[in-house]
């Protein structure tokens, strides 16, 4: 293939992409923007906004049961073995 033939193919592909973009933006502009539809919450459920206040007497708090502490035998940690230093030659 010659350089002219490759250039023509690239130009055709670029032209098709530009044409597709032009059609996309034209359709998008012609359709216009949709306005959002807002709903009133009172249309869906009824709310009288009257709250009922209930007073509760303080209950005596029972002492929390303590879980028996489990004692694990202390394991002695062994020191890591020291690495021998390499001597530079």
PDB file of N, CA and C in Angstrom:
ATOM      1  N   UNK A   1       0.848  -1.177   0.000  1.00  0.00           N
ATOM      2  CA  UNK A   1       0.000   0.000   0.000  1.00  0.00           C
ATOM      3  C   UNK A   1       0.889   1.235   0.000  1.00  0.00           C
ATOM      4  N   UNK A   2       0.414   2.196  -0.703  1.00  0.00           N
ATOM      5  CA  UNK A   2       1.195   3.424  -0.773  1.00  0.00           C
ATOM      6  C   UNK A   2       0.749   4.378   0.322  1.00  0.00           C
ATOM      7  N   UNK A   3       1.557   5.381   0.525  1.00  0.00           N
ATOM      8  CA  UNK A   3       1.272   6.359   1.571  1.00  0.00           C
ATOM      9  C   UNK A   3      -0.006   7.136   1.261  1.00  0.00           C
ATOM     10  N   UNK A   4      -0.269   7.388  -0.009  1.00  0.00           N
ATOM     11  CA  UNK A   4      -1.482   8.131  -0.390  1.00  0.00           C
ATOM     12  C   UNK A   4      -2.738   7.315  -0.064  1.00  0.00           C
ATOM     13  N   UNK A   5      -2.681   6.016  -0.304  1.00  0.00           N
ATOM     14  CA  UNK A   5      -3.837   5.168  -0.051  1.00  0.00           C
ATOM     15  C   UNK A   5      -4.129   5.100   1.456  1.00  0.00           C
ATOM     16  N   UNK A   6      -3.081   5.005   2.293  1.00  0.00           N
ATOM     17  CA  UNK A   6      -3.252   4.981   3.751  1.00  0.00           C
ATOM     18  C   UNK A   6      -3.831   6.310   4.231  1.00  0.00           C
ATOM     19  N   UNK A   7      -3.364   7.409   3.688  1.00  0.00           N
ATOM     20  CA  UNK A   7      -3.854   8.736   4.075  1.00  0.00           C
ATOM     21  C   UNK A   7      -5.335   8.882   3.723  1.00  0.00           C
ATOM     22  N   UNK A   8      -5.761   8.351   2.595  1.00  0.00           N
ATOM     23  CA  UNK A   8      -7.171   8.418   2.191  1.00  0.00           C
ATOM     24  C   UNK A   8      -8.051   7.617   3.155  1.00  0.00           C
ATOM     25  N   UNK A   9      -7.585   6.445   3.558  1.00  0.00           N
ATOM     26  CA  UNK A   9      -8.356   5.605   4.480  1.00  0.00           C
ATOM     27  C   UNK A   9      -8.517   6.305   5.833  1.00  0.00           C
ATOM     28  N   UNK A  10      -7.434   6.899   6.332  1.00  0.00           N
ATOM     29  CA  UNK A  10      -7.483   7.623   7.598  1.00  0.00           C
ATOM     30  C   UNK A  10      -8.415   8.821   7.480  1.00  0.00           C
ATOM     31  N   UNK A  11      -8.403   9.515   6.368  1.00  0.00           N
ATOM     32  CA  UNK A  11      -9.261  10.678   6.166  1.00  0.00           C
ATOM     33  C   UNK A  11     -10.733  10.263   6.121  1.00  0.00           C
ATOM     34  N   UNK A  12     -11.040   9.126   5.503  1.00  0.00           N
ATOM     35  CA  UNK A  12     -12.422   8.641   5.440  1.00  0.00           C
ATOM     36  C   UNK A  12     -12.917   8.276   6.842  1.00  0.00           C
ATOM     37  N   UNK A  13     -12.078   7.606   7.615  1.00  0.00           N
ATOM     38  CA  UNK A  13     -12.468   7.238   8.985  1.00  0.00           C
ATOM     39  C   UNK A  13     -12.706   8.497   9.823  1.00  0.00           C
ATOM     40  N   UNK A  14     -11.847   9.501   9.719  1.00  0.00           N
ATOM     41  CA  UNK A  14     -12.005  10.749  10.470  1.00  0.00           C
ATOM     42  C   UNK A  14     -13.279  11.472  10.047  1.00  0.00           C
ATOM     43  N   UNK A  15     -13.600  11.447   8.762  1.00  0.00           N
ATOM     44  CA  UNK A  15     -14.806  12.102   8.264  1.00  0.00           C
ATOM     45  C   UNK A  15     -16.056  11.400   8.805  1.00  0.00           C
ATOM     46  N   UNK A  16     -16.040  10.072   8.853  1.00  0.00           N
ATOM     47  CA  UNK A  16     -17.187   9.335   9.387  1.00  0.00           C
ATOM     48  C   UNK A  16     -17.388   9.631  10.881  1.00  0.00           C
ATOM     49  N   UNK A  17     -16.300   9.728  11.633  1.00  0.00           N
ATOM     50  CA  UNK A  17     -16.403  10.061  13.063  1.00  0.00           C
ATOM     51  C   UNK A  17     -16.957  11.471  13.253  1.00  0.00           C
ATOM     52  N   UNK A  18     -16.513  12.410  12.442  1.00  0.00           N
ATOM     53  CA  UNK A  18     -17.006  13.785  12.537  1.00  0.00           C
ATOM     54  C   UNK A  18     -18.484  13.851  12.178  1.00  0.00           C
ATOM     55  N   UNK A  19     -18.903  13.093  11.175  1.00  0.00           N
ATOM     56  CA  UNK A  19     -20.309  13.061  10.781  1.00  0.00           C
ATOM     57  C   UNK A  19     -21.179  12.470  11.886  1.00  0.00           C
ATOM     58  N   UNK A  20     -20.711  11.416  12.521  1.00  0.00           N
ATOM     59  CA  UNK A  20     -21.461  10.800  13.613  1.00  0.00           C
ATOM     60  C   UNK A  20     -21.571  11.763  14.791  1.00  0.00           C
ATOM     61  N   UNK A  21     -20.520  12.486  15.105  1.00  0.00           N
ATOM     62  CA  UNK A  21     -20.557  13.456  16.205  1.00  0.00           C
ATOM     63  C   UNK A  21     -21.524  14.593  15.895  1.00  0.00           C
ATOM     64  N   UNK A  22     -21.551  15.049  14.642  1.00  0.00           N
ATOM     65  CA  UNK A  22     -22.456  16.130  14.247  1.00  0.00           C
ATOM     66  C   UNK A  22     -23.913  15.690  14.377  1.00  0.00           C
ATOM     67  N   UNK A  23     -24.212  14.471  13.974  1.00  0.00           N
ATOM     68  CA  UNK A  23     -25.575  13.955  14.090  1.00  0.00           C
ATOM     69  C   UNK A  23     -25.959  13.817  15.561  1.00  0.00           C
ATOM     70  N   UNK A  24     -25.056  13.350  16.393  1.00  0.00           N
ATOM     71  CA  UNK A  24     -25.327  13.181  17.824  1.00  0.00           C
ATOM     72  C   UNK A  24     -25.661  14.524  18.471  1.00  0.00           C
ATOM     73  N   UNK A  25     -24.841  15.541  18.226  1.00  0.00           N
ATOM     74  CA  UNK A  25     -25.090  16.842  18.843  1.00  0.00           C
ATOM     75  C   UNK A  25     -26.354  17.501  18.294  1.00  0.00           C
ATOM     76  N   UNK A  26     -26.674  17.292  17.007  1.00  0.00           N
ATOM     77  CA  UNK A  26     -27.894  17.865  16.437  1.00  0.00           C
ATOM     78  C   UNK A  26     -29.131  17.242  17.078  1.00  0.00           C
ATOM     79  N   UNK A  27     -29.128  15.939  17.229  1.00  0.00           N
ATOM     80  CA  UNK A  27     -30.271  15.261  17.850  1.00  0.00           C
ATOM     81  C   UNK A  27     -30.401  15.676  19.308  1.00  0.00           C
ATOM     82  N   UNK A  28     -29.288  15.792  20.002  1.00  0.00           N
ATOM     83  CA  UNK A  28     -29.312  16.175  21.404  1.00  0.00           C
ATOM     84  C   UNK A  28     -29.850  17.592  21.578  1.00  0.00           C
ATOM     85  N   UNK A  29     -29.493  18.498  20.687  1.00  0.00           N
ATOM     86  CA  UNK A  29     -29.950  19.888  20.786  1.00  0.00           C
ATOM     87  C   UNK A  29     -31.425  20.000  20.416  1.00  0.00           C
ATOM     88  N   UNK A  30     -31.877  19.229  19.453  1.00  0.00           N
ATOM     89  CA  UNK A  30     -33.271  19.319  19.013  1.00  0.00           C
ATOM     90  C   UNK A  30     -34.236  18.710  20.032  1.00  0.00           C
ATOM     91  N   UNK A  31     -33.794  17.702  20.742  1.00  0.00           N
ATOM     92  CA  UNK A  31     -34.697  17.079  21.709  1.00  0.00           C
ATOM     93  C   UNK A  31     -34.899  17.951  22.933  1.00  0.00           C
ATOM     94  N   UNK A  32     -33.978  18.821  23.264  1.00  0.00           N
ATOM     95  CA  UNK A  32     -34.131  19.721  24.399  1.00  0.00           C
ATOM     96  C   UNK A  32     -33.877  19.030  25.714  1.00  0.00           C
ATOM     97  N   UNK A  33     -33.847  19.846  26.754  1.00  0.00           N
ATOM     98  CA  UNK A  33     -33.598  19.300  28.083  1.00  0.00           C
ATOM     99  C   UNK A  33     -34.920  18.939  28.733  1.00  0.00           C
ATOM    100  N   UNK A  34     -34.906  17.850  29.478  1.00  0.00           N
ATOM    101  CA  UNK A  34     -36.100  17.442  30.201  1.00  0.00           C
ATOM    102  C   UNK A  34     -36.112  18.142  31.551  1.00  0.00           C
ATOM    103  N   UNK A  35     -37.268  18.682  31.919  1.00  0.00           N
ATOM    104  CA  UNK A  35     -37.383  19.317  33.222  1.00  0.00           C
ATOM    105  C   UNK A  35     -37.671  18.239  34.256  1.00  0.00           C
ATOM    106  N   UNK A  36     -36.992  18.297  35.397  1.00  0.00           N
ATOM    107  CA  UNK A  36     -37.246  17.285  36.424  1.00  0.00           C
ATOM    108  C   UNK A  36     -38.635  17.466  37.017  1.00  0.00           C
ATOM    109  N   UNK A  37     -39.259  16.361  37.350  1.00  0.00           N
ATOM    110  CA  UNK A  37     -40.596  16.393  37.915  1.00  0.00           C
ATOM    111  C   UNK A  37     -40.473  16.225  39.427  1.00  0.00           C
ATOM    112  N   UNK A  38     -40.972  17.224  40.147  1.00  0.00           N
ATOM    113  CA  UNK A  38     -40.882  17.193  41.598  1.00  0.00           C
ATOM    114  C   UNK A  38     -42.198  16.715  42.185  1.00  0.00           C
ATOM    115  N   UNK A  39     -42.112  15.912  43.243  1.00  0.00           N
ATOM    116  CA  UNK A  39     -43.298  15.398  43.901  1.00  0.00           C
ATOM    117  C   UNK A  39     -43.351  15.929  45.326  1.00  0.00           C
ATOM    118  N   UNK A  40     -44.553  16.140  45.808  1.00  0.00           N
ATOM    119  CA  UNK A  40     -44.751  16.543  47.189  1.00  0.00           C
ATOM    120  C   UNK A  40     -44.881  15.283  48.028  1.00  0.00           C
ATOM    121  N   UNK A  41     -44.133  15.213  49.127  1.00  0.00           N
ATOM    122  CA  UNK A  41     -44.165  14.017  49.966  1.00  0.00           C
ATOM    123  C   UNK A  41     -45.548  13.755  50.539  1.00  0.00           C
ATOM    124  N   UNK A  42     -46.321  14.790  50.747  1.00  0.00           N
ATOM    125  CA  UNK A  42     -47.644  14.610  51.344  1.00  0.00           C
ATOM    126  C   UNK A  42     -48.613  13.907  50.394  1.00  0.00           C
ATOM    127  N   UNK A  43     -48.268  13.831  49.130  1.00  0.00           N
ATOM    128  CA  UNK A  43     -49.122  13.122  48.172  1.00  0.00           C
ATOM    129  C   UNK A  43     -49.031  11.609  48.371  1.00  0.00           C
ATOM    130  N   UNK A  44     -47.946  11.138  48.943  1.00  0.00           N
ATOM    131  CA  UNK A  44     -47.717   9.704  49.040  1.00  0.00           C
ATOM    132  C   UNK A  44     -48.108   9.109  50.383  1.00  0.00           C
ATOM    133  N   UNK A  45     -47.922   9.859  51.461  1.00  0.00           N
ATOM    134  CA  UNK A  45     -48.284   9.329  52.772  1.00  0.00           C
ATOM    135  C   UNK A  45     -48.796  10.482  53.631  1.00  0.00           C
ATOM    136  N   UNK A  46     -49.566  10.117  54.590  1.00  0.00           N
ATOM    137  CA  UNK A  46     -50.160  11.114  55.451  1.00  0.00           C
ATOM    138  C   UNK A  46     -49.345  11.216  56.733  1.00  0.00           C
ATOM    139  N   UNK A  47     -49.013  12.416  57.123  1.00  0.00           N
ATOM    140  CA  UNK A  47     -48.216  12.625  58.320  1.00  0.00           C
ATOM    141  C   UNK A  47     -48.830  13.778  59.093  1.00  0.00           C
ATOM    142  N   UNK A  48     -49.199  13.531  60.344  1.00  0.00           N
ATOM    143  CA  UNK A  48     -49.832  14.586  61.117  1.00  0.00           C
ATOM    144  C   UNK A  48     -48.825  15.378  61.946  1.00  0.00           C
ATOM    145  N   UNK A  49     -47.567  14.976  61.931  1.00  0.00           N
ATOM    146  CA  UNK A  49     -46.482  15.662  62.618  1.00  0.00           C
ATOM    147  C   UNK A  49     -46.735  15.832  64.117  1.00  0.00           C
ATOM    148  N   UNK A  50     -47.559  15.007  64.717  1.00  0.00           N
ATOM    149  CA  UNK A  50     -47.774  15.053  66.153  1.00  0.00           C
ATOM    150  C   UNK A  50     -46.997  13.903  66.776  1.00  0.00           C
ATOM    151  N   UNK A  51     -46.055  14.251  67.614  1.00  0.00           N
ATOM    152  CA  UNK A  51     -45.222  13.248  68.242  1.00  0.00           C
ATOM    153  C   UNK A  51     -45.733  12.973  69.644  1.00  0.00           C
ATOM    154  N   UNK A  52     -45.740  11.739  70.032  1.00  0.00           N
ATOM    155  CA  UNK A  52     -46.174  11.361  71.355  1.00  0.00           C
ATOM    156  C   UNK A  52     -44.945  11.178  72.225  1.00  0.00           C
ATOM    157  N   UNK A  53     -44.893  11.903  73.358  1.00  0.00           N
ATOM    158  CA  UNK A  53     -43.745  11.837  74.247  1.00  0.00           C
ATOM    159  C   UNK A  53     -44.084  10.906  75.396  1.00  0.00           C
ATOM    160  N   UNK A  54     -43.258   9.929  75.603  1.00  0.00           N
ATOM    161  CA  UNK A  54     -43.465   8.950  76.663  1.00  0.00           C
ATOM    162  C   UNK A  54     -42.305   9.081  77.635  1.00  0.00           C
ATOM    163  N   UNK A  55     -42.633   9.272  78.909  1.00  0.00           N
ATOM    164  CA  UNK A  55     -41.588   9.370  79.918  1.00  0.00           C
ATOM    165  C   UNK A  55     -41.355   7.984  80.516  1.00  0.00           C
ATOM    166  N   UNK A  56     -40.100   7.634  80.672  1.00  0.00           N
ATOM    167  CA  UNK A  56     -39.736   6.330  81.195  1.00  0.00           C
ATOM    168  C   UNK A  56     -38.986   6.541  82.495  1.00  0.00           C
ATOM    169  N   UNK A  57     -39.369   5.779  83.517  1.00  0.00           N
ATOM    170  CA  UNK A  57     -38.674   5.876  84.796  1.00  0.00           C
ATOM    171  C   UNK A  57     -37.299   5.239  84.652  1.00  0.00           C
ATOM    172  N   UNK A  58     -36.349   5.797  85.389  1.00  0.00           N
ATOM    173  CA  UNK A  58     -34.999   5.234  85.342  1.00  0.00           C
ATOM    174  C   UNK A  58     -35.010   3.860  85.987  1.00  0.00           C
ATOM    175  N   UNK A  59     -34.539   2.884  85.282  1.00  0.00           N
ATOM    176  CA  UNK A  59     -34.469   1.529  85.801  1.00  0.00           C
ATOM    177  C   UNK A  59     -33.138   1.347  86.503  1.00  0.00           C
ATOM    178  N   UNK A  60     -33.186   0.597  87.593  1.00  0.00           N
ATOM    179  CA  UNK A  60     -31.937   0.329  88.288  1.00  0.00           C
ATOM    180  C   UNK A  60     -31.088  -0.586  87.415  1.00  0.00           C
ATOM    181  N   UNK A  61     -29.877  -0.165  87.229  1.00  0.00           N
ATOM    182  CA  UNK A  61     -28.992  -0.957  86.383  1.00  0.00           C
ATOM    183  C   UNK A  61     -28.422  -2.103  87.199  1.00  0.00           C
ATOM    184  N   UNK A  62     -28.587  -3.288  86.701  1.00  0.00           N
ATOM    185  CA  UNK A  62     -28.043  -4.465  87.368  1.00  0.00           C
ATOM    186  C   UNK A  62     -26.541  -4.484  87.130  1.00  0.00           C
ATOM    187  N   UNK A  63     -25.770  -4.912  88.116  1.00  0.00           N
ATOM    188  CA  UNK A  63     -24.315  -4.959  87.895  1.00  0.00           C
ATOM    189  C   UNK A  63     -24.009  -5.928  86.753  1.00  0.00           C
ATOM    190  N   UNK A  64     -23.158  -5.480  85.900  1.00  0.00           N
ATOM    191  CA  UNK A  64     -22.805  -6.293  84.735  1.00  0.00           C
ATOM    192  C   UNK A  64     -22.050  -7.525  85.183  1.00  0.00           C
ATOM    193  N   UNK A  65     -22.403  -8.645  84.620  1.00  0.00           N
ATOM    194  CA  UNK A  65     -21.707  -9.876  84.955  1.00  0.00           C
ATOM    195  C   UNK A  65     -20.329  -9.850  84.324  1.00  0.00           C
ATOM    196  N   UNK A  66     -19.350 -10.098  85.161  1.00  0.00           N
ATOM    197  CA  UNK A  66     -17.991 -10.068  84.653  1.00  0.00           C
ATOM    198  C   UNK A  66     -17.608 -11.463  84.173  1.00  0.00           C
ATOM    199  N   UNK A  67     -17.055 -11.513  83.003  1.00  0.00           N
ATOM    200  CA  UNK A  67     -16.604 -12.785  82.453  1.00  0.00           C
ATOM    201  C   UNK A  67     -15.319 -13.173  83.167  1.00  0.00           C
ATOM    202  N   UNK A  68     -15.165 -14.437  83.523  1.00  0.00           N
ATOM    203  CA  UNK A  68     -13.925 -14.835  84.195  1.00  0.00           C
ATOM    204  C   UNK A  68     -12.738 -14.621  83.266  1.00  0.00           C
ATOM    205  N   UNK A  69     -11.738 -13.981  83.821  1.00  0.00           N
ATOM    206  CA  UNK A  69     -10.555 -13.684  83.012  1.00  0.00           C
ATOM    207  C   UNK A  69      -9.768 -14.966  82.801  1.00  0.00           C
ATOM    208  N   UNK A  70      -9.493 -15.262  81.559  1.00  0.00           N
ATOM    209  CA  UNK A  70      -8.718 -16.452  81.229  1.00  0.00           C
ATOM    210  C   UNK A  70      -7.253 -16.079  81.219  1.00  0.00           C
ATOM    211  N   UNK A  71      -6.493 -16.812  81.983  1.00  0.00           N
ATOM    212  CA  UNK A  71      -5.080 -16.532  82.042  1.00  0.00           C
ATOM    213  C   UNK A  71      -4.339 -17.473  81.105  1.00  0.00           C
ATOM    214  N   UNK A  72      -3.652 -16.892  80.159  1.00  0.00           N
ATOM    215  CA  UNK A  72      -2.867 -17.692  79.233  1.00  0.00           C
ATOM    216  C   UNK A  72      -1.449 -17.767  79.770  1.00  0.00           C
ATOM    217  N   UNK A  73      -0.822 -18.929  79.703  1.00  0.00           N
ATOM    218  CA  UNK A  73       0.559 -19.020  80.190  1.00  0.00           C
ATOM    219  C   UNK A  73       1.454 -18.126  79.337  1.00  0.00           C
ATOM    220  N   UNK A  74       2.294 -17.393  80.022  1.00  0.00           N
ATOM    221  CA  UNK A  74       3.183 -16.470  79.311  1.00  0.00           C
ATOM    222  C   UNK A  74       4.223 -17.276  78.549  1.00  0.00           C
ATOM    223  N   UNK A  75       4.291 -17.032  77.262  1.00  0.00           N
ATOM    224  CA  UNK A  75       5.262 -17.729  76.430  1.00  0.00           C
ATOM    225  C   UNK A  75       6.521 -16.883  76.345  1.00  0.00           C
ATOM    226  N   UNK A  76       7.634 -17.527  76.517  1.00  0.00           N
ATOM    227  CA  UNK A  76       8.885 -16.800  76.420  1.00  0.00           C
ATOM    228  C   UNK A  76       9.241 -16.641  74.953  1.00  0.00           C
ATOM    229  N   UNK A  77       9.615 -15.416  74.623  1.00  0.00           N
ATOM    230  CA  UNK A  77      10.002 -15.152  73.236  1.00  0.00           C
ATOM    231  C   UNK A  77      11.481 -15.473  73.085  1.00  0.00           C
ATOM    232  N   UNK A  78      11.777 -16.236  72.078  1.00  0.00           N
ATOM    233  CA  UNK A  78      13.168 -16.586  71.823  1.00  0.00           C
ATOM    234  C   UNK A  78      13.777 -15.470  70.983  1.00  0.00           C
ATOM    235  N   UNK A  79      14.969 -15.039  71.322  1.00  0.00           N
ATOM    236  CA  UNK A  79      15.604 -13.992  70.511  1.00  0.00           C
ATOM    237  C   UNK A  79      15.949 -14.543  69.132  1.00  0.00           C
ATOM    238  N   UNK A  80      15.783 -13.699  68.139  1.00  0.00           N
ATOM    239  CA  UNK A  80      16.072 -14.114  66.775  1.00  0.00           C
ATOM    240  C   UNK A  80      17.570 -14.360  66.641  1.00  0.00           C
ATOM    241  N   UNK A  81      17.939 -15.386  65.890  1.00  0.00           N
ATOM    242  CA  UNK A  81      19.374 -15.650  65.729  1.00  0.00           C
ATOM    243  C   UNK A  81      20.032 -14.510  64.957  1.00  0.00           C
ATOM    244  N   UNK A  82      21.217 -14.132  65.402  1.00  0.00           N
ATOM    245  CA  UNK A  82      21.928 -13.031  64.763  1.00  0.00           C
ATOM    246  C   UNK A  82      22.574 -13.530  63.475  1.00  0.00           C
ATOM    247  N   UNK A  83      22.492 -12.676  62.464  1.00  0.00           N
ATOM    248  CA  UNK A  83      23.109 -13.045  61.190  1.00  0.00           C
ATOM    249  C   UNK A  83      24.587 -12.687  61.224  1.00  0.00           C
ATOM    250  N   UNK A  84      25.342 -13.505  60.618  1.00  0.00           N
ATOM    251  CA  UNK A  84      26.777 -13.226  60.567  1.00  0.00           C
ATOM    252  C   UNK A  84      27.036 -12.152  59.530  1.00  0.00           C
ATOM    253  N   UNK A  85      27.883 -11.225  59.867  1.00  0.00           N
ATOM    254  CA  UNK A  85      28.220 -10.130  58.955  1.00  0.00           C
ATOM    255  C   UNK A  85      29.148 -10.656  57.860  1.00  0.00           C
ATOM    256  N   UNK A  86      28.860 -10.228  56.642  1.00  0.00           N
ATOM    257  CA  UNK A  86      29.715 -10.627  55.532  1.00  0.00           C
ATOM    258  C   UNK A  86      30.963  -9.747  55.505  1.00  0.00           C
ATOM    259  N   UNK A  87      32.037 -10.365  55.229  1.00  0.00           N
ATOM    260  CA  UNK A  87      33.279  -9.615  55.166  1.00  0.00           C
ATOM    261  C   UNK A  87      33.483  -9.134  53.735  1.00  0.00           C
ATOM    262  N   UNK A  88      33.800  -7.854  53.618  1.00  0.00           N
ATOM    263  CA  UNK A  88      34.072  -7.301  52.293  1.00  0.00           C
ATOM    264  C   UNK A  88      35.471  -7.706  51.864  1.00  0.00           C
ATOM    265  N   UNK A  89      35.592  -8.189  50.698  1.00  0.00           N
ATOM    266  CA  UNK A  89      36.895  -8.627  50.216  1.00  0.00           C
ATOM    267  C   UNK A  89      37.470  -7.628  49.274  1.00  0.00           C
TER     268      UNK A  89
END
